[in-house]
Amino acid sequence: MKATLNGRVIADSDDIVEAAGYAYFPAAATHLDWLEKAEKTDSDKACPHGVQFYDVVVDGARHPRVAWSYERPLPALQAVGGRFGFWKDVHVG
């Protein structure tokens, strides 16, 4: 499975964990050099799983808050800890 943005592959792996309708990629299969931590909103701070959103910056273009990871997932989402999910402009498939 791949996560792509404007034709660029951000993540590529067959080791996918699906949860709550999203595919989560391992960090080792993700272009971490393209991710920049986004400032946490009040909603982010209230998330019980410790969500951290990321902007994806590729080819000089910033795509705000299109990736995320859970820093302290509760048992229901433990399997996605240390992995990255994508949404909005990112195509996953």
Protein backbone atom coordinates (compact mmCIF):
# COMPACT_ATOMS: atom_id res chain seq x y z
CA MET A 1 0.00 0.00 0.00
CA LYS A 2 1.19 3.53 -0.72
CA ALA A 3 0.45 7.00 0.58
CA THR A 4 0.99 9.54 -2.20
CA LEU A 5 0.72 13.29 -2.45
CA ASN A 6 0.91 15.02 -5.83
CA GLY A 7 2.51 11.92 -7.33
CA ARG A 8 5.20 11.64 -4.63
CA VAL A 9 5.27 8.52 -2.44
CA ILE A 10 5.31 9.51 1.23
CA ALA A 11 5.01 5.96 2.58
CA ASP A 12 5.09 2.50 1.01
CA SER A 13 4.63 -0.78 2.86
CA ASP A 14 2.77 -4.08 2.94
CA ASP A 15 2.95 -3.94 6.76
CA ILE A 16 -0.23 -1.93 7.31
CA VAL A 17 -2.39 -1.76 10.41
CA GLU A 18 -5.95 -0.60 9.81
CA ALA A 19 -7.92 1.11 12.56
CA ALA A 20 -10.98 3.37 12.58
CA GLY A 21 -11.04 3.44 8.77
CA TYR A 22 -7.42 4.54 8.34
CA ALA A 23 -4.28 2.71 7.22
CA TYR A 24 -1.22 3.18 9.42
CA PHE A 25 2.27 2.85 7.97
CA PRO A 26 5.40 1.93 9.92
CA ALA A 27 7.83 4.79 10.55
CA ALA A 28 10.57 2.87 8.71
CA ALA A 29 8.44 2.93 5.54
CA THR A 30 7.63 6.64 5.77
CA HIS A 31 9.63 9.62 4.44
CA LEU A 32 10.12 11.11 7.90
CA ASP A 33 12.34 13.78 6.37
CA TRP A 34 9.23 15.22 4.69
CA LEU A 35 7.26 15.46 7.95
CA GLU A 36 7.33 18.50 10.21
CA LYS A 37 5.50 18.57 13.53
CA ALA A 38 2.44 20.82 13.45
CA GLU A 39 1.59 23.00 16.42
CA LYS A 40 -0.88 21.21 18.70
CA THR A 41 -4.40 22.57 18.84
CA ASP A 42 -6.61 22.38 21.93
CA SER A 43 -8.35 19.40 20.31
CA ASP A 44 -4.99 17.67 19.79
CA LYS A 45 -4.06 18.27 23.42
CA ALA A 46 -7.38 16.76 24.54
CA CYS A 47 -6.86 13.56 22.54
CA PRO A 48 -6.40 10.65 24.97
CA HIS A 49 -3.99 8.94 22.57
CA GLY A 50 -1.50 11.82 22.45
CA VAL A 51 -2.00 12.69 18.79
CA GLN A 52 0.72 14.59 16.95
CA PHE A 53 -0.16 15.97 13.53
CA TYR A 54 2.46 16.66 10.89
CA ASP A 55 2.70 18.92 7.88
CA VAL A 56 4.10 17.19 4.82
CA VAL A 57 6.60 19.37 2.99
CA VAL A 58 7.52 18.04 -0.42
CA ASP A 59 8.94 19.87 -3.43
CA GLY A 60 8.74 23.13 -1.48
CA ALA A 61 5.00 22.87 -0.89
CA ARG A 62 3.58 22.58 2.63
CA HIS A 63 0.49 20.44 3.16
CA PRO A 64 -0.70 21.20 6.70
CA ARG A 65 -1.78 18.48 9.11
CA VAL A 66 -2.13 15.67 6.56
CA ALA A 67 -0.25 13.08 8.63
CA TRP A 68 -0.49 12.02 12.26
CA SER A 69 0.85 9.60 14.82
CA TYR A 70 -0.30 8.61 18.29
CA GLU A 71 2.38 9.12 20.92
CA ARG A 72 0.51 7.41 23.79
CA PRO A 73 -2.19 5.19 22.27
CA LEU A 74 -4.67 3.67 24.67
CA PRO A 75 -5.23 -0.12 24.43
CA ALA A 76 -7.85 0.22 21.66
CA LEU A 77 -5.24 1.81 19.34
CA GLN A 78 -2.07 0.21 20.73
CA ALA A 79 -1.38 -1.50 17.39
CA VAL A 80 -0.93 1.85 15.62
CA GLY A 81 1.60 3.28 18.08
CA GLY A 82 4.72 4.49 16.26
CA ARG A 83 2.94 4.39 12.91
CA PHE A 84 1.66 7.16 10.66
CA GLY A 85 -1.78 7.78 9.22
CA PHE A 86 -2.62 10.11 6.35
CA TRP A 87 -5.71 11.96 5.14
CA LYS A 88 -7.01 15.00 3.27
CA ASP A 89 -4.87 15.52 0.13
CA VAL A 90 -2.94 12.26 0.61
CA HIS A 91 -4.16 9.30 -1.44
CA VAL A 92 -3.83 5.96 0.35
CA GLY A 93 -4.26 2.82 -1.67
